[in-house]
């Protein structure tokens, strides 16, 4: 999976954007910036993390679960998919 993530630049870009925005949030709090501006920036961090998570899950589904299903390993593939869906919905 790690090899796929290295190839998946969108995921890394999303994480870097989230990190940059989070650093901005910390500076904003330290500088006493108005709360609504901070909340707006935190929302941007959350959005980027959500998008990065979607990229990771997409890669995981594409490889791991698909591979299990192709191998006929329904006993493991279905619980994996249920676990993933639970994580996405929470």
N, C-alpha and C. Protein backbone atom coordinates (compact mmCIF):
# COMPACT_ATOMS: atom_id res chain seq x y z
N UNK A 1 0.82 -1.19 0.00
CA UNK A 1 0.00 0.00 0.00
C UNK A 1 0.87 1.26 0.00
N UNK A 2 1.97 1.24 0.75
CA UNK A 2 2.82 2.42 0.82
C UNK A 2 3.35 2.80 -0.56
N UNK A 3 3.65 1.79 -1.37
CA UNK A 3 4.14 2.08 -2.72
C UNK A 3 3.09 2.81 -3.54
N UNK A 4 1.85 2.43 -3.36
CA UNK A 4 0.77 3.08 -4.11
C UNK A 4 0.65 4.52 -3.67
N UNK A 5 0.73 4.77 -2.37
CA UNK A 5 0.59 6.13 -1.87
C UNK A 5 1.70 7.03 -2.39
N UNK A 6 2.90 6.48 -2.53
CA UNK A 6 4.00 7.28 -3.07
C UNK A 6 3.69 7.69 -4.51
N UNK A 7 3.05 6.80 -5.24
CA UNK A 7 2.70 7.10 -6.62
C UNK A 7 1.49 8.03 -6.71
N UNK A 8 0.67 8.02 -5.67
CA UNK A 8 -0.56 8.80 -5.69
C UNK A 8 -0.28 10.21 -5.18
N UNK A 9 0.13 11.08 -6.09
CA UNK A 9 0.51 12.43 -5.72
C UNK A 9 -0.65 13.23 -5.16
N UNK A 10 -1.86 12.94 -5.59
CA UNK A 10 -3.01 13.70 -5.09
C UNK A 10 -3.14 13.54 -3.59
N UNK A 11 -2.93 12.35 -3.09
CA UNK A 11 -3.03 12.11 -1.65
C UNK A 11 -1.98 12.91 -0.91
N UNK A 12 -0.76 12.85 -1.37
CA UNK A 12 0.33 13.58 -0.73
C UNK A 12 0.09 15.08 -0.80
N UNK A 13 -0.38 15.56 -1.94
CA UNK A 13 -0.68 16.98 -2.08
C UNK A 13 -1.75 17.41 -1.08
N UNK A 14 -2.78 16.59 -0.93
CA UNK A 14 -3.86 16.91 0.02
C UNK A 14 -3.31 16.98 1.45
N UNK A 15 -2.46 16.02 1.81
CA UNK A 15 -1.90 16.01 3.16
C UNK A 15 -0.99 17.22 3.39
N UNK A 16 -0.23 17.59 2.38
CA UNK A 16 0.63 18.78 2.50
C UNK A 16 -0.20 20.05 2.64
N UNK A 17 -1.30 20.14 1.89
CA UNK A 17 -2.18 21.31 2.02
C UNK A 17 -2.80 21.37 3.40
N UNK A 18 -3.23 20.21 3.90
CA UNK A 18 -3.81 20.16 5.25
C UNK A 18 -2.77 20.60 6.28
N UNK A 19 -1.54 20.13 6.13
CA UNK A 19 -0.47 20.50 7.05
C UNK A 19 -0.20 22.00 7.01
N UNK A 20 -0.13 22.56 5.81
CA UNK A 20 0.09 24.01 5.68
C UNK A 20 -1.03 24.78 6.34
N UNK A 21 -2.27 24.36 6.08
CA UNK A 21 -3.41 25.05 6.70
C UNK A 21 -3.40 24.90 8.21
N UNK A 22 -3.01 23.75 8.71
CA UNK A 22 -2.96 23.55 10.16
C UNK A 22 -1.90 24.44 10.79
N UNK A 23 -0.76 24.58 10.14
CA UNK A 23 0.26 25.49 10.63
C UNK A 23 -0.26 26.92 10.66
N UNK A 24 -1.05 27.28 9.64
CA UNK A 24 -1.67 28.61 9.62
C UNK A 24 -2.63 28.78 10.79
N UNK A 25 -3.39 27.75 11.09
CA UNK A 25 -4.35 27.81 12.21
C UNK A 25 -3.60 28.07 13.51
N UNK A 26 -2.51 27.38 13.72
CA UNK A 26 -1.73 27.55 14.95
C UNK A 26 -1.23 29.00 15.05
N UNK A 27 -0.71 29.52 13.95
CA UNK A 27 -0.25 30.91 13.95
C UNK A 27 -1.40 31.88 14.22
N UNK A 28 -2.54 31.59 13.62
CA UNK A 28 -3.71 32.46 13.78
C UNK A 28 -4.14 32.50 15.25
N UNK A 29 -4.15 31.34 15.91
CA UNK A 29 -4.52 31.29 17.33
C UNK A 29 -3.51 32.06 18.15
N UNK A 30 -2.23 31.85 17.86
CA UNK A 30 -1.17 32.55 18.60
C UNK A 30 -1.27 34.06 18.42
N UNK A 31 -1.69 34.49 17.22
CA UNK A 31 -1.77 35.92 16.91
C UNK A 31 -3.10 36.55 17.31
N UNK A 32 -4.02 35.75 17.82
CA UNK A 32 -5.30 36.29 18.26
C UNK A 32 -6.25 36.68 17.12
N UNK A 33 -6.17 35.97 16.03
CA UNK A 33 -7.06 36.23 14.88
C UNK A 33 -8.49 35.90 15.30
N UNK A 34 -9.48 36.64 14.78
CA UNK A 34 -10.88 36.38 15.13
C UNK A 34 -11.29 34.92 14.91
N UNK A 35 -12.12 34.44 15.80
CA UNK A 35 -12.51 33.03 15.82
C UNK A 35 -13.09 32.53 14.50
N UNK A 36 -13.92 33.31 13.85
CA UNK A 36 -14.55 32.83 12.62
C UNK A 36 -13.53 32.59 11.52
N UNK A 37 -12.47 33.38 11.49
CA UNK A 37 -11.40 33.15 10.51
C UNK A 37 -10.68 31.83 10.81
N UNK A 38 -10.49 31.55 12.09
CA UNK A 38 -9.84 30.31 12.51
C UNK A 38 -10.73 29.12 12.17
N UNK A 39 -12.02 29.25 12.46
CA UNK A 39 -12.96 28.17 12.16
C UNK A 39 -12.97 27.87 10.66
N UNK A 40 -12.93 28.91 9.85
CA UNK A 40 -12.90 28.73 8.40
C UNK A 40 -11.67 27.95 7.98
N UNK A 41 -10.53 28.28 8.55
CA UNK A 41 -9.29 27.59 8.18
C UNK A 41 -9.30 26.15 8.68
N UNK A 42 -9.86 25.91 9.88
CA UNK A 42 -9.96 24.55 10.39
C UNK A 42 -10.84 23.71 9.47
N UNK A 43 -11.90 24.31 8.96
CA UNK A 43 -12.77 23.60 8.01
C UNK A 43 -11.99 23.20 6.77
N UNK A 44 -11.09 24.05 6.32
CA UNK A 44 -10.25 23.72 5.16
C UNK A 44 -9.34 22.53 5.47
N UNK A 45 -8.79 22.49 6.68
CA UNK A 45 -7.94 21.36 7.09
C UNK A 45 -8.76 20.08 7.07
N UNK A 46 -9.95 20.12 7.65
CA UNK A 46 -10.80 18.94 7.69
C UNK A 46 -11.15 18.46 6.29
N UNK A 47 -11.43 19.39 5.41
CA UNK A 47 -11.78 19.04 4.03
C UNK A 47 -10.62 18.35 3.33
N UNK A 48 -9.41 18.88 3.48
CA UNK A 48 -8.24 18.27 2.85
C UNK A 48 -7.96 16.89 3.42
N UNK A 49 -8.12 16.72 4.73
CA UNK A 49 -7.91 15.41 5.34
C UNK A 49 -8.94 14.40 4.85
N UNK A 50 -10.17 14.85 4.71
CA UNK A 50 -11.22 13.97 4.21
C UNK A 50 -10.91 13.52 2.78
N UNK A 51 -10.45 14.44 1.95
CA UNK A 51 -10.11 14.10 0.57
C UNK A 51 -8.91 13.15 0.52
N UNK A 52 -7.93 13.37 1.37
CA UNK A 52 -6.77 12.48 1.42
C UNK A 52 -7.21 11.08 1.86
N UNK A 53 -8.08 11.03 2.84
CA UNK A 53 -8.60 9.76 3.32
C UNK A 53 -9.34 9.02 2.20
N UNK A 54 -10.09 9.74 1.41
CA UNK A 54 -10.81 9.13 0.29
C UNK A 54 -9.82 8.53 -0.72
N UNK A 55 -8.74 9.23 -0.98
CA UNK A 55 -7.72 8.72 -1.91
C UNK A 55 -7.09 7.43 -1.37
N UNK A 56 -6.80 7.43 -0.08
CA UNK A 56 -6.20 6.25 0.54
C UNK A 56 -7.17 5.07 0.49
N UNK A 57 -8.43 5.33 0.83
CA UNK A 57 -9.43 4.26 0.80
C UNK A 57 -9.67 3.75 -0.61
N UNK A 58 -9.63 4.65 -1.57
CA UNK A 58 -9.80 4.24 -2.96
C UNK A 58 -8.68 3.28 -3.37
N UNK A 59 -7.46 3.60 -3.01
CA UNK A 59 -6.34 2.72 -3.31
C UNK A 59 -6.46 1.39 -2.59
N UNK A 60 -6.89 1.45 -1.35
CA UNK A 60 -7.05 0.23 -0.56
C UNK A 60 -8.11 -0.67 -1.18
N UNK A 61 -9.25 -0.08 -1.52
CA UNK A 61 -10.31 -0.87 -2.15
C UNK A 61 -9.86 -1.44 -3.49
N UNK A 62 -9.17 -0.63 -4.25
CA UNK A 62 -8.73 -1.06 -5.57
C UNK A 62 -7.80 -2.25 -5.50
N UNK A 63 -6.97 -2.28 -4.48
CA UNK A 63 -5.98 -3.36 -4.40
C UNK A 63 -6.38 -4.50 -3.48
N UNK A 64 -6.53 -4.20 -2.23
CA UNK A 64 -6.70 -5.24 -1.23
C UNK A 64 -8.02 -5.98 -1.37
N UNK A 65 -9.12 -5.23 -1.32
CA UNK A 65 -10.42 -5.89 -1.34
C UNK A 65 -10.66 -6.55 -2.70
N UNK A 66 -10.31 -5.85 -3.78
CA UNK A 66 -10.48 -6.44 -5.11
C UNK A 66 -9.68 -7.72 -5.23
N UNK A 67 -8.47 -7.71 -4.72
CA UNK A 67 -7.61 -8.90 -4.77
C UNK A 67 -8.23 -10.05 -4.00
N UNK A 68 -8.75 -9.77 -2.81
CA UNK A 68 -9.39 -10.81 -2.00
C UNK A 68 -10.60 -11.40 -2.74
N UNK A 69 -11.38 -10.53 -3.37
CA UNK A 69 -12.56 -11.00 -4.08
C UNK A 69 -12.18 -11.86 -5.30
N UNK A 70 -11.14 -11.42 -6.00
CA UNK A 70 -10.70 -12.18 -7.17
C UNK A 70 -10.17 -13.55 -6.77
N UNK A 71 -9.58 -13.63 -5.59
CA UNK A 71 -9.07 -14.90 -5.09
C UNK A 71 -10.18 -15.77 -4.53
N UNK A 72 -11.39 -15.22 -4.50
CA UNK A 72 -12.52 -15.98 -3.97
C UNK A 72 -12.56 -16.01 -2.45
N UNK A 73 -11.87 -15.09 -1.81
CA UNK A 73 -11.79 -15.06 -0.34
C UNK A 73 -12.91 -14.17 0.20
N UNK A 74 -14.14 -14.64 0.04
CA UNK A 74 -15.31 -13.86 0.50
C UNK A 74 -15.32 -13.71 2.02
N UNK A 75 -14.76 -14.69 2.73
CA UNK A 75 -14.76 -14.63 4.19
C UNK A 75 -13.98 -13.42 4.70
N UNK A 76 -12.99 -12.97 3.96
CA UNK A 76 -12.21 -11.80 4.37
C UNK A 76 -12.62 -10.54 3.63
N UNK A 77 -13.03 -10.66 2.37
CA UNK A 77 -13.31 -9.46 1.57
C UNK A 77 -14.55 -8.73 2.05
N UNK A 78 -15.60 -9.46 2.40
CA UNK A 78 -16.83 -8.79 2.83
C UNK A 78 -16.63 -8.07 4.16
N UNK A 79 -16.04 -8.71 5.18
CA UNK A 79 -15.78 -7.96 6.42
C UNK A 79 -14.88 -6.74 6.21
N UNK A 80 -13.91 -6.86 5.30
CA UNK A 80 -13.04 -5.71 4.99
C UNK A 80 -13.87 -4.57 4.44
N UNK A 81 -14.77 -4.87 3.51
CA UNK A 81 -15.60 -3.83 2.91
C UNK A 81 -16.54 -3.21 3.95
N UNK A 82 -17.10 -4.02 4.83
CA UNK A 82 -17.99 -3.51 5.88
C UNK A 82 -17.21 -2.61 6.82
N UNK A 83 -15.99 -3.00 7.17
CA UNK A 83 -15.16 -2.17 8.05
C UNK A 83 -14.85 -0.84 7.39
N UNK A 84 -14.52 -0.87 6.11
CA UNK A 84 -14.22 0.36 5.38
C UNK A 84 -15.43 1.27 5.34
N UNK A 85 -16.58 0.71 5.03
CA UNK A 85 -17.80 1.52 4.96
C UNK A 85 -18.11 2.15 6.32
N UNK A 86 -17.89 1.40 7.38
CA UNK A 86 -18.11 1.95 8.72
C UNK A 86 -17.19 3.13 9.00
N UNK A 87 -15.96 3.04 8.57
CA UNK A 87 -15.00 4.13 8.77
C UNK A 87 -15.38 5.35 7.96
N UNK A 88 -15.86 5.14 6.74
CA UNK A 88 -16.24 6.24 5.88
C UNK A 88 -17.45 6.98 6.45
N UNK A 89 -18.41 6.23 6.95
CA UNK A 89 -19.66 6.81 7.43
C UNK A 89 -19.53 7.49 8.79
N UNK A 90 -18.48 7.19 9.52
CA UNK A 90 -18.31 7.81 10.85
C UNK A 90 -17.58 9.10 10.79
